[in-house]
């Protein structure tokens, strides 16, 4: 819920209506990637692998992103955002931080 609120703000800032942003977020939360383009799906696959099995990352994972037009800066951004969210989530989980009431669904 918390991350969805940030994504909702970014989507509406980029021109989507609130309803379109909500539908997109709901689809992604359900695990559907139909709303994602090929490059977004590749980034999501990279993020999933980096999150779940980081020791299995290889230069080939970066090469896949390049085939979708991501340059060094974009790949760095994807990697650091995924790593940052993992870091912050582990701190919150480790300290027993509760989700703010406004984000509980």
C-alpha atoms as a PDB file:
ATOM      1  CA  UNK A   1       0.000   0.000   0.000  1.00  0.00           C
ATOM      2  CA  UNK A   2       2.768   2.433   0.916  1.00  0.00           C
ATOM      3  CA  UNK A   3       4.719   1.903  -2.294  1.00  0.00           C
ATOM      4  CA  UNK A   4       1.511   1.998  -4.301  1.00  0.00           C
ATOM      5  CA  UNK A   5       0.780   5.474  -2.970  1.00  0.00           C
ATOM      6  CA  UNK A   6       4.134   6.715  -4.266  1.00  0.00           C
ATOM      7  CA  UNK A   7       3.591   5.001  -7.600  1.00  0.00           C
ATOM      8  CA  UNK A   8       0.115   6.508  -7.845  1.00  0.00           C
ATOM      9  CA  UNK A   9       1.585   9.991  -7.425  1.00  0.00           C
ATOM     10  CA  UNK A  10       4.236   9.352 -10.083  1.00  0.00           C
ATOM     11  CA  UNK A  11       1.720   7.941 -12.546  1.00  0.00           C
ATOM     12  CA  UNK A  12      -0.649  10.867 -12.171  1.00  0.00           C
ATOM     13  CA  UNK A  13       2.245  13.313 -12.491  1.00  0.00           C
ATOM     14  CA  UNK A  14       3.186  11.621 -15.760  1.00  0.00           C
ATOM     15  CA  UNK A  15      -0.288  12.167 -17.206  1.00  0.00           C
ATOM     16  CA  UNK A  16      -2.414   9.197 -16.203  1.00  0.00           C
ATOM     17  CA  UNK A  17      -5.749   9.835 -14.579  1.00  0.00           C
ATOM     18  CA  UNK A  18      -6.232   8.696 -10.982  1.00  0.00           C
ATOM     19  CA  UNK A  19      -8.506   5.881 -12.236  1.00  0.00           C
ATOM     20  CA  UNK A  20      -5.890   4.718 -14.774  1.00  0.00           C
ATOM     21  CA  UNK A  21      -3.169   4.816 -12.121  1.00  0.00           C
ATOM     22  CA  UNK A  22      -5.353   2.855  -9.681  1.00  0.00           C
ATOM     23  CA  UNK A  23      -6.126   0.217 -12.328  1.00  0.00           C
ATOM     24  CA  UNK A  24      -2.435  -0.106 -13.208  1.00  0.00           C
ATOM     25  CA  UNK A  25      -1.410  -0.468  -9.554  1.00  0.00           C
ATOM     26  CA  UNK A  26      -4.159  -3.014  -8.885  1.00  0.00           C
ATOM     27  CA  UNK A  27      -3.040  -5.090 -11.878  1.00  0.00           C
ATOM     28  CA  UNK A  28       0.593  -5.056 -10.779  1.00  0.00           C
ATOM     29  CA  UNK A  29      -0.389  -5.886  -7.178  1.00  0.00           C
ATOM     30  CA  UNK A  30      -2.311  -8.925  -8.494  1.00  0.00           C
ATOM     31  CA  UNK A  31       0.845 -10.041 -10.275  1.00  0.00           C
ATOM     32  CA  UNK A  32      -0.420  -9.163 -13.733  1.00  0.00           C
ATOM     33  CA  UNK A  33       2.195  -7.759 -16.072  1.00  0.00           C
ATOM     34  CA  UNK A  34      -0.253  -7.156 -18.927  1.00  0.00           C
ATOM     35  CA  UNK A  35      -0.223  -3.413 -18.216  1.00  0.00           C
ATOM     36  CA  UNK A  36       3.567  -3.299 -18.586  1.00  0.00           C
ATOM     37  CA  UNK A  37       5.443  -2.796 -21.812  1.00  0.00           C
ATOM     38  CA  UNK A  38       8.333  -5.092 -22.797  1.00  0.00           C
ATOM     39  CA  UNK A  39      11.021  -2.840 -21.269  1.00  0.00           C
ATOM     40  CA  UNK A  40       9.038  -2.514 -18.024  1.00  0.00           C
ATOM     41  CA  UNK A  41       8.621  -6.293 -17.901  1.00  0.00           C
ATOM     42  CA  UNK A  42      12.380  -6.727 -18.348  1.00  0.00           C
ATOM     43  CA  UNK A  43      13.040  -4.257 -15.526  1.00  0.00           C
ATOM     44  CA  UNK A  44      10.543  -6.082 -13.318  1.00  0.00           C
ATOM     45  CA  UNK A  45      12.254  -9.404 -14.052  1.00  0.00           C
ATOM     46  CA  UNK A  46      15.607  -7.866 -13.164  1.00  0.00           C
ATOM     47  CA  UNK A  47      14.146  -6.414  -9.952  1.00  0.00           C
ATOM     48  CA  UNK A  48      12.540  -9.727  -9.005  1.00  0.00           C
ATOM     49  CA  UNK A  49      15.783 -11.638  -9.508  1.00  0.00           C
ATOM     50  CA  UNK A  50      17.886  -9.041  -7.662  1.00  0.00           C
ATOM     51  CA  UNK A  51      15.428  -9.143  -4.767  1.00  0.00           C
ATOM     52  CA  UNK A  52      14.883 -12.886  -4.488  1.00  0.00           C
ATOM     53  CA  UNK A  53      18.168 -14.412  -5.688  1.00  0.00           C
ATOM     54  CA  UNK A  54      20.836 -11.690  -5.725  1.00  0.00           C
ATOM     55  CA  UNK A  55      23.718 -14.183  -5.800  1.00  0.00           C
ATOM     56  CA  UNK A  56      22.452 -15.440  -9.143  1.00  0.00           C
ATOM     57  CA  UNK A  57      22.804 -12.064 -10.899  1.00  0.00           C
ATOM     58  CA  UNK A  58      25.135 -12.147 -13.907  1.00  0.00           C
ATOM     59  CA  UNK A  59      26.317  -9.712 -16.575  1.00  0.00           C
ATOM     60  CA  UNK A  60      23.651 -11.330 -18.762  1.00  0.00           C
ATOM     61  CA  UNK A  61      20.947  -9.747 -16.606  1.00  0.00           C
ATOM     62  CA  UNK A  62      22.328  -6.321 -17.463  1.00  0.00           C
ATOM     63  CA  UNK A  63      22.658  -7.296 -21.125  1.00  0.00           C
ATOM     64  CA  UNK A  64      18.934  -8.110 -21.254  1.00  0.00           C
ATOM     65  CA  UNK A  65      18.106  -4.590 -20.076  1.00  0.00           C
ATOM     66  CA  UNK A  66      20.343  -3.147 -22.776  1.00  0.00           C
ATOM     67  CA  UNK A  67      18.343  -4.994 -25.455  1.00  0.00           C
ATOM     68  CA  UNK A  68      15.348  -2.929 -24.352  1.00  0.00           C
ATOM     69  CA  UNK A  69      17.212   0.342 -24.758  1.00  0.00           C
ATOM     70  CA  UNK A  70      18.309   0.985 -21.191  1.00  0.00           C
ATOM     71  CA  UNK A  71      21.629   2.775 -20.962  1.00  0.00           C
ATOM     72  CA  UNK A  72      24.142   2.653 -18.107  1.00  0.00           C
ATOM     73  CA  UNK A  73      22.369   5.371 -16.131  1.00  0.00           C
ATOM     74  CA  UNK A  74      18.945   3.735 -16.456  1.00  0.00           C
ATOM     75  CA  UNK A  75      20.347   0.335 -15.433  1.00  0.00           C
ATOM     76  CA  UNK A  76      22.103   1.948 -12.478  1.00  0.00           C
ATOM     77  CA  UNK A  77      18.820   3.621 -11.494  1.00  0.00           C
ATOM     78  CA  UNK A  78      16.907   0.329 -11.626  1.00  0.00           C
ATOM     79  CA  UNK A  79      19.568  -1.442  -9.575  1.00  0.00           C
ATOM     80  CA  UNK A  80      19.881   1.262  -6.914  1.00  0.00           C
ATOM     81  CA  UNK A  81      16.118   1.700  -6.528  1.00  0.00           C
ATOM     82  CA  UNK A  82      15.597  -2.038  -6.075  1.00  0.00           C
ATOM     83  CA  UNK A  83      18.505  -2.235  -3.612  1.00  0.00           C
ATOM     84  CA  UNK A  84      17.322   0.828  -1.699  1.00  0.00           C
ATOM     85  CA  UNK A  85      13.785  -0.512  -1.279  1.00  0.00           C
ATOM     86  CA  UNK A  86      15.160  -3.857  -0.076  1.00  0.00           C
ATOM     87  CA  UNK A  87      17.401  -2.028   2.407  1.00  0.00           C
ATOM     88  CA  UNK A  88      14.624   0.149   3.801  1.00  0.00           C
ATOM     89  CA  UNK A  89      12.175  -2.757   4.007  1.00  0.00           C
ATOM     90  CA  UNK A  90      14.682  -4.817   5.976  1.00  0.00           C
ATOM     91  CA  UNK A  91      15.230  -1.963   8.418  1.00  0.00           C
ATOM     92  CA  UNK A  92      11.479  -1.546   8.878  1.00  0.00           C
ATOM     93  CA  UNK A  93      10.948  -5.285   9.279  1.00  0.00           C
ATOM     94  CA  UNK A  94      13.921  -5.609  11.640  1.00  0.00           C
ATOM     95  CA  UNK A  95      12.636  -2.847  13.891  1.00  0.00           C
ATOM     96  CA  UNK A  96       9.041  -4.062  13.798  1.00  0.00           C
ATOM     97  CA  UNK A  97       7.789  -0.877  12.164  1.00  0.00           C
ATOM     98  CA  UNK A  98       4.047  -1.023  11.604  1.00  0.00           C
ATOM     99  CA  UNK A  99       2.408   0.221   8.410  1.00  0.00           C
ATOM    100  CA  UNK A 100       0.863   3.644   8.875  1.00  0.00           C
ATOM    101  CA  UNK A 101      -2.892   3.485   9.364  1.00  0.00           C
ATOM    102  CA  UNK A 102      -3.589   5.464   6.197  1.00  0.00           C
ATOM    103  CA  UNK A 103      -1.844   2.803   4.090  1.00  0.00           C
ATOM    104  CA  UNK A 104      -3.546  -0.229   5.591  1.00  0.00           C
ATOM    105  CA  UNK A 105      -5.842  -1.894   3.126  1.00  0.00           C
END
